[in-house]
């Protein structure tokens, strides 16, 4: 026979576990999410470690991550962190917004190279993405 206190504890645990599904994360902008959770992998970054959004990247990333903006056109030079911004935005969509996402590359071999050199290390080095990965 189960005591009243134990029964109450079991009921409390069951209710808590049931309510977890209703938890809504605090809304974050793309830049807020990236600054808190995103890490640069050592294989494909000059400065691996915790991501820090640079001032000129803030508007670009927030535009890329804003759901009402469908197309972002960007004229850029080399080495401005575009690929890393893109991966940060993808991580934001996948983890924070719980959205499916798809990136295209021009050829299958380009897609394989991109997966191996950018996507897989990013998943490995960003703990919140690694939790979602099989």
N, C-alpha and C. Protein backbone atom coordinates (compact mmCIF):
# COMPACT_ATOMS: atom_id res chain seq x y z
N UNK A 1 0.84 -1.18 0.00
CA UNK A 1 0.00 0.00 0.00
C UNK A 1 0.88 1.24 0.00
N UNK A 2 0.50 2.22 -0.78
CA UNK A 2 1.28 3.45 -0.92
C UNK A 2 0.74 4.49 0.06
N UNK A 3 1.67 5.15 0.76
CA UNK A 3 1.26 6.16 1.74
C UNK A 3 0.71 7.39 1.02
N UNK A 4 -0.01 8.20 1.77
CA UNK A 4 -0.60 9.41 1.21
C UNK A 4 0.46 10.39 0.72
N UNK A 5 1.56 10.49 1.48
CA UNK A 5 2.63 11.41 1.09
C UNK A 5 3.30 10.96 -0.21
N UNK A 6 3.53 9.67 -0.32
CA UNK A 6 4.16 9.13 -1.53
C UNK A 6 3.23 9.29 -2.74
N UNK A 7 1.95 9.06 -2.51
CA UNK A 7 0.97 9.22 -3.57
C UNK A 7 0.92 10.68 -4.05
N UNK A 8 0.99 11.61 -3.11
CA UNK A 8 0.99 13.04 -3.45
C UNK A 8 2.25 13.40 -4.23
N UNK A 9 3.40 12.86 -3.83
CA UNK A 9 4.65 13.12 -4.56
C UNK A 9 4.59 12.56 -5.98
N UNK A 10 4.05 11.35 -6.12
CA UNK A 10 3.90 10.76 -7.46
C UNK A 10 2.98 11.60 -8.34
N UNK A 11 1.88 12.05 -7.76
CA UNK A 11 0.94 12.88 -8.51
C UNK A 11 1.59 14.21 -8.91
N UNK A 12 2.34 14.79 -7.97
CA UNK A 12 3.03 16.05 -8.26
C UNK A 12 4.03 15.87 -9.39
N UNK A 13 4.81 14.79 -9.37
CA UNK A 13 5.77 14.50 -10.43
C UNK A 13 5.07 14.29 -11.77
N UNK A 14 3.96 13.57 -11.76
CA UNK A 14 3.22 13.31 -12.99
C UNK A 14 2.67 14.60 -13.59
N UNK A 15 2.14 15.46 -12.74
CA UNK A 15 1.62 16.75 -13.22
C UNK A 15 2.75 17.61 -13.78
N UNK A 16 3.87 17.66 -13.07
CA UNK A 16 5.03 18.44 -13.54
C UNK A 16 5.51 17.93 -14.89
N UNK A 17 5.64 16.62 -15.02
CA UNK A 17 6.08 16.04 -16.30
C UNK A 17 5.08 16.32 -17.41
N UNK A 18 3.81 16.29 -17.11
CA UNK A 18 2.79 16.57 -18.12
C UNK A 18 2.80 18.02 -18.57
N UNK A 19 3.12 18.92 -17.66
CA UNK A 19 3.13 20.34 -18.00
C UNK A 19 4.38 20.77 -18.76
N UNK A 20 5.43 19.96 -18.74
CA UNK A 20 6.67 20.30 -19.46
C UNK A 20 6.38 20.54 -20.94
N UNK A 21 5.48 19.76 -21.51
CA UNK A 21 5.16 19.91 -22.93
C UNK A 21 4.53 21.27 -23.24
N UNK A 22 3.95 21.91 -22.25
CA UNK A 22 3.31 23.21 -22.45
C UNK A 22 4.26 24.38 -22.23
N UNK A 23 5.50 24.08 -21.84
CA UNK A 23 6.49 25.14 -21.59
C UNK A 23 6.84 25.85 -22.89
N UNK A 24 6.75 27.15 -22.87
CA UNK A 24 7.10 27.97 -24.04
C UNK A 24 8.38 28.71 -23.70
N UNK A 25 9.41 28.55 -24.52
CA UNK A 25 10.66 29.25 -24.22
C UNK A 25 10.50 30.76 -24.35
N UNK A 26 11.31 31.49 -23.62
CA UNK A 26 11.30 32.94 -23.70
C UNK A 26 11.70 33.33 -25.12
N UNK A 27 10.91 34.17 -25.79
CA UNK A 27 11.26 34.55 -27.16
C UNK A 27 12.62 35.27 -27.21
N UNK A 28 13.45 34.84 -28.14
CA UNK A 28 14.76 35.46 -28.35
C UNK A 28 14.87 35.87 -29.81
N UNK A 29 15.60 36.94 -30.07
CA UNK A 29 15.93 37.27 -31.45
C UNK A 29 17.03 36.32 -31.91
N UNK A 30 17.29 36.32 -33.18
CA UNK A 30 18.35 35.46 -33.72
C UNK A 30 19.68 35.78 -33.07
N UNK A 31 20.00 37.05 -32.95
CA UNK A 31 21.28 37.46 -32.37
C UNK A 31 21.36 37.07 -30.90
N UNK A 32 20.29 37.25 -30.14
CA UNK A 32 20.29 36.85 -28.73
C UNK A 32 20.54 35.35 -28.60
N UNK A 33 19.88 34.56 -29.45
CA UNK A 33 20.08 33.11 -29.40
C UNK A 33 21.52 32.76 -29.74
N UNK A 34 22.04 33.33 -30.81
CA UNK A 34 23.40 33.02 -31.25
C UNK A 34 24.43 33.41 -30.19
N UNK A 35 24.27 34.59 -29.60
CA UNK A 35 25.22 35.02 -28.58
C UNK A 35 25.18 34.14 -27.33
N UNK A 36 24.04 33.52 -27.08
CA UNK A 36 23.93 32.67 -25.89
C UNK A 36 24.31 31.21 -26.16
N UNK A 37 23.97 30.67 -27.32
CA UNK A 37 24.11 29.23 -27.54
C UNK A 37 25.09 28.81 -28.63
N UNK A 38 25.44 29.68 -29.54
CA UNK A 38 26.19 29.29 -30.74
C UNK A 38 27.70 29.28 -30.48
N UNK A 39 28.36 28.23 -30.96
CA UNK A 39 29.81 28.09 -30.84
C UNK A 39 30.40 27.83 -32.22
N UNK A 40 31.58 28.39 -32.46
CA UNK A 40 32.28 28.19 -33.73
C UNK A 40 33.20 26.98 -33.61
N UNK A 41 33.08 26.03 -34.54
CA UNK A 41 33.94 24.85 -34.49
C UNK A 41 35.38 25.17 -34.89
N UNK A 42 36.31 24.43 -34.33
CA UNK A 42 37.73 24.70 -34.61
C UNK A 42 38.13 24.35 -36.04
N UNK A 43 37.42 23.41 -36.67
CA UNK A 43 37.80 22.98 -38.02
C UNK A 43 37.58 24.06 -39.08
N UNK A 44 36.62 24.92 -38.87
CA UNK A 44 36.27 25.86 -39.94
C UNK A 44 36.21 27.32 -39.47
N UNK A 45 36.92 27.63 -38.39
CA UNK A 45 36.87 29.00 -37.87
C UNK A 45 38.28 29.48 -37.52
N UNK A 46 38.52 30.76 -37.79
CA UNK A 46 39.79 31.35 -37.38
C UNK A 46 39.84 31.52 -35.87
N UNK A 47 38.70 31.81 -35.27
CA UNK A 47 38.63 31.98 -33.82
C UNK A 47 37.55 31.06 -33.27
N UNK A 48 37.88 29.79 -33.01
CA UNK A 48 36.87 28.87 -32.49
C UNK A 48 36.44 29.26 -31.08
N UNK A 49 35.25 28.80 -30.71
CA UNK A 49 34.73 29.08 -29.38
C UNK A 49 33.39 29.78 -29.45
N UNK A 50 33.03 30.43 -28.36
CA UNK A 50 31.72 31.08 -28.25
C UNK A 50 31.57 32.18 -29.30
N UNK A 51 30.44 32.18 -29.96
CA UNK A 51 30.12 33.19 -30.99
C UNK A 51 29.85 34.52 -30.32
N UNK A 52 30.35 35.57 -30.93
CA UNK A 52 30.04 36.93 -30.50
C UNK A 52 29.67 37.72 -31.74
N UNK A 53 28.42 38.12 -31.83
CA UNK A 53 27.95 38.84 -33.00
C UNK A 53 28.61 40.21 -33.09
N UNK A 54 29.19 40.49 -34.25
CA UNK A 54 29.81 41.79 -34.48
C UNK A 54 28.73 42.81 -34.83
N UNK A 55 28.98 44.10 -34.57
CA UNK A 55 27.94 45.11 -34.80
C UNK A 55 27.34 45.09 -36.20
N UNK A 56 28.15 44.89 -37.24
CA UNK A 56 27.61 44.92 -38.59
C UNK A 56 26.79 43.66 -38.92
N UNK A 57 26.91 42.61 -38.10
CA UNK A 57 26.19 41.37 -38.34
C UNK A 57 24.80 41.35 -37.70
N UNK A 58 24.55 42.24 -36.76
CA UNK A 58 23.29 42.21 -36.00
C UNK A 58 22.07 42.32 -36.91
N UNK A 59 22.02 43.35 -37.74
CA UNK A 59 20.85 43.56 -38.60
C UNK A 59 20.71 42.43 -39.62
N UNK A 60 21.83 41.95 -40.14
CA UNK A 60 21.78 40.87 -41.13
C UNK A 60 21.19 39.61 -40.51
N UNK A 61 21.71 39.23 -39.34
CA UNK A 61 21.22 38.00 -38.70
C UNK A 61 19.76 38.12 -38.27
N UNK A 62 19.40 39.27 -37.71
CA UNK A 62 18.01 39.43 -37.28
C UNK A 62 17.06 39.45 -38.46
N UNK A 63 17.49 39.99 -39.59
CA UNK A 63 16.66 39.95 -40.80
C UNK A 63 16.53 38.51 -41.30
N UNK A 64 17.64 37.77 -41.31
CA UNK A 64 17.61 36.38 -41.76
C UNK A 64 16.73 35.52 -40.86
N UNK A 65 16.66 35.84 -39.59
CA UNK A 65 15.90 35.03 -38.65
C UNK A 65 14.48 35.50 -38.40
N UNK A 66 14.09 36.63 -38.98
CA UNK A 66 12.74 37.15 -38.76
C UNK A 66 11.77 36.47 -39.72
N UNK A 67 10.75 35.85 -39.16
CA UNK A 67 9.88 34.99 -39.97
C UNK A 67 9.04 35.73 -41.01
N UNK A 68 8.84 37.02 -40.87
CA UNK A 68 8.05 37.76 -41.87
C UNK A 68 8.89 38.22 -43.05
N UNK A 69 10.21 38.12 -42.94
CA UNK A 69 11.09 38.46 -44.06
C UNK A 69 11.39 37.18 -44.81
N UNK A 70 10.98 37.12 -46.07
CA UNK A 70 11.11 35.90 -46.87
C UNK A 70 12.43 35.82 -47.64
N UNK A 71 12.97 36.98 -48.06
CA UNK A 71 14.19 37.01 -48.87
C UNK A 71 15.12 38.07 -48.30
N UNK A 72 16.38 37.70 -48.13
CA UNK A 72 17.41 38.65 -47.72
C UNK A 72 18.46 38.67 -48.81
N UNK A 73 18.62 39.80 -49.47
CA UNK A 73 19.68 39.98 -50.47
C UNK A 73 20.85 40.67 -49.80
N UNK A 74 22.03 40.15 -50.04
CA UNK A 74 23.20 40.68 -49.35
C UNK A 74 24.36 40.80 -50.32
N UNK A 75 24.90 41.98 -50.43
CA UNK A 75 26.13 42.19 -51.19
C UNK A 75 27.24 42.26 -50.15
N UNK A 76 28.21 41.37 -50.26
CA UNK A 76 29.21 41.26 -49.21
C UNK A 76 30.58 41.02 -49.81
N UNK A 77 31.57 41.23 -48.99
CA UNK A 77 32.93 40.87 -49.39
C UNK A 77 33.24 39.49 -48.80
N UNK A 78 34.43 39.01 -49.08
CA UNK A 78 34.85 37.73 -48.51
C UNK A 78 35.17 37.91 -47.03
N UNK A 79 35.06 36.84 -46.29
CA UNK A 79 35.46 36.79 -44.89
C UNK A 79 34.72 37.75 -43.96
N UNK A 80 33.40 37.82 -44.13
CA UNK A 80 32.60 38.62 -43.21
C UNK A 80 31.81 37.73 -42.24
N UNK A 81 32.00 36.42 -42.34
CA UNK A 81 31.31 35.50 -41.45
C UNK A 81 29.94 35.08 -41.96
N UNK A 82 29.71 35.19 -43.26
CA UNK A 82 28.38 34.88 -43.79
C UNK A 82 27.98 33.43 -43.53
N UNK A 83 28.88 32.49 -43.79
CA UNK A 83 28.55 31.07 -43.57
C UNK A 83 28.24 30.82 -42.11
N UNK A 84 29.00 31.42 -41.22
CA UNK A 84 28.77 31.24 -39.79
C UNK A 84 27.46 31.90 -39.36
N UNK A 85 27.15 33.06 -39.94
CA UNK A 85 25.86 33.69 -39.64
C UNK A 85 24.73 32.78 -40.11
N UNK A 86 24.87 32.24 -41.30
CA UNK A 86 23.84 31.36 -41.86
C UNK A 86 23.63 30.13 -40.97
N UNK A 87 24.72 29.53 -40.52
CA UNK A 87 24.60 28.36 -39.64
C UNK A 87 24.01 28.75 -38.28
N UNK A 88 24.33 29.93 -37.79
CA UNK A 88 23.73 30.41 -36.55
C UNK A 88 22.23 30.60 -36.68
N UNK A 89 21.81 31.15 -37.82
CA UNK A 89 20.38 31.35 -38.08
C UNK A 89 19.68 30.00 -38.21
N UNK A 90 20.31 29.06 -38.90
CA UNK A 90 19.73 27.71 -39.03
C UNK A 90 19.59 27.06 -37.65
N UNK A 91 20.61 27.19 -36.81
CA UNK A 91 20.52 26.66 -35.45
C UNK A 91 19.38 27.29 -34.67
N UNK A 92 19.20 28.59 -34.83
CA UNK A 92 18.11 29.32 -34.18
C UNK A 92 16.76 28.78 -34.62
N UNK A 93 16.59 28.60 -35.95
CA UNK A 93 15.33 28.06 -36.45
C UNK A 93 15.07 26.65 -35.92
N UNK A 94 16.08 25.82 -35.92
CA UNK A 94 15.91 24.43 -35.53
C UNK A 94 15.67 24.29 -34.03
N UNK A 95 16.52 24.93 -33.21
CA UNK A 95 16.42 24.73 -31.77
C UNK A 95 15.38 25.63 -31.12
N UNK A 96 15.42 26.93 -31.40
CA UNK A 96 14.56 27.86 -30.69
C UNK A 96 13.16 27.94 -31.29
N UNK A 97 13.06 27.95 -32.59
CA UNK A 97 11.76 28.07 -33.26
C UNK A 97 11.14 26.72 -33.60
N UNK A 98 11.88 25.63 -33.40
CA UNK A 98 11.40 24.26 -33.71
C UNK A 98 10.89 24.16 -35.14
N UNK A 99 11.69 24.65 -36.07
CA UNK A 99 11.32 24.63 -37.48
C UNK A 99 12.21 23.66 -38.24
N UNK A 100 11.66 23.05 -39.26
CA UNK A 100 12.48 22.26 -40.18
C UNK A 100 13.25 23.23 -41.06
N UNK A 101 14.38 22.78 -41.54
CA UNK A 101 15.22 23.67 -42.33
C UNK A 101 15.94 22.89 -43.41
N UNK A 102 16.25 23.57 -44.50
CA UNK A 102 16.93 22.94 -45.62
C UNK A 102 17.88 23.94 -46.24
N UNK A 103 19.12 23.52 -46.42
CA UNK A 103 20.12 24.33 -47.12
C UNK A 103 20.48 23.63 -48.41
N UNK A 104 20.59 24.39 -49.48
CA UNK A 104 20.96 23.82 -50.77
C UNK A 104 22.40 24.17 -51.10
N UNK A 105 23.07 23.27 -51.81
CA UNK A 105 24.39 23.50 -52.37
C UNK A 105 24.29 23.18 -53.86
N UNK A 106 25.17 23.74 -54.68
CA UNK A 106 25.03 23.57 -56.13
C UNK A 106 25.24 22.14 -56.63
N UNK A 107 26.05 21.36 -55.95
CA UNK A 107 26.29 19.97 -56.38
C UNK A 107 26.25 19.06 -55.17
N UNK A 108 26.13 17.76 -55.44
CA UNK A 108 26.14 16.79 -54.35
C UNK A 108 27.47 16.80 -53.61
N UNK A 109 28.57 16.91 -54.35
CA UNK A 109 29.87 16.91 -53.68
C UNK A 109 30.05 18.18 -52.83
N UNK A 110 29.52 19.30 -53.29
CA UNK A 110 29.55 20.53 -52.48
C UNK A 110 28.73 20.35 -51.21
N UNK A 111 27.59 19.70 -51.34
CA UNK A 111 26.73 19.45 -50.18
C UNK A 111 27.43 18.55 -49.17
N UNK A 112 28.09 17.50 -49.65
CA UNK A 112 28.82 16.60 -48.76
C UNK A 112 29.96 17.33 -48.06
N UNK A 113 30.71 18.14 -48.81
CA UNK A 113 31.80 18.92 -48.22
C UNK A 113 31.28 19.90 -47.17
N UNK A 114 30.15 20.56 -47.48
CA UNK A 114 29.56 21.52 -46.54
C UNK A 114 29.10 20.81 -45.26
N UNK A 115 28.49 19.65 -45.43
CA UNK A 115 28.06 18.87 -44.26
C UNK A 115 29.25 18.52 -43.38
N UNK A 116 30.31 18.00 -44.00
CA UNK A 116 31.47 17.54 -43.23
C UNK A 116 32.26 18.68 -42.61
N UNK A 117 32.40 19.78 -43.33
CA UNK A 117 33.26 20.85 -42.83
C UNK A 117 32.53 21.89 -41.99
N UNK A 118 31.22 22.02 -42.14
CA UNK A 118 30.50 23.08 -41.42
C UNK A 118 29.36 22.56 -40.54
N UNK A 119 28.46 21.77 -41.12
CA UNK A 119 27.25 21.38 -40.38
C UNK A 119 27.56 20.40 -39.25
N UNK A 120 28.27 19.32 -39.56
CA UNK A 120 28.56 18.32 -38.52
C UNK A 120 29.37 18.90 -37.36
N UNK A 121 30.44 19.69 -37.62
CA UNK A 121 31.14 20.30 -36.49
C UNK A 121 30.27 21.27 -35.69
N UNK A 122 29.36 21.98 -36.38
CA UNK A 122 28.47 22.89 -35.66
C UNK A 122 27.54 22.12 -34.74
N UNK A 123 26.96 21.04 -35.23
CA UNK A 123 26.08 20.23 -34.38
C UNK A 123 26.86 19.69 -33.19
N UNK A 124 28.07 19.23 -33.43
CA UNK A 124 28.90 18.68 -32.36
C UNK A 124 29.25 19.72 -31.29
N UNK A 125 29.51 20.97 -31.71
CA UNK A 125 30.01 21.99 -30.79
C UNK A 125 28.93 22.88 -30.18
N UNK A 126 27.70 22.78 -30.64
CA UNK A 126 26.60 23.56 -30.07
C UNK A 126 25.73 22.60 -29.25
N UNK A 127 25.86 22.64 -27.91
CA UNK A 127 25.18 21.64 -27.07
C UNK A 127 23.67 21.53 -27.30
N UNK A 128 22.97 22.65 -27.51
CA UNK A 128 21.52 22.56 -27.69
C UNK A 128 21.15 21.88 -29.00
N UNK A 129 22.03 21.96 -30.01
CA UNK A 129 21.79 21.24 -31.26
C UNK A 129 22.16 19.77 -31.12
N UNK A 130 23.22 19.49 -30.38
CA UNK A 130 23.65 18.11 -30.16
C UNK A 130 22.57 17.31 -29.43
N UNK A 131 21.84 17.96 -28.52
CA UNK A 131 20.74 17.29 -27.81
C UNK A 131 19.65 16.83 -28.77
N UNK A 132 19.48 17.55 -29.88
CA UNK A 132 18.44 17.21 -30.85
C UNK A 132 18.91 16.21 -31.89
N UNK A 133 20.22 16.05 -32.02
CA UNK A 133 20.78 15.17 -33.06
C UNK A 133 20.71 13.72 -32.61
N UNK A 134 20.45 12.82 -33.55
CA UNK A 134 20.39 11.40 -33.17
C UNK A 134 21.76 10.84 -32.85
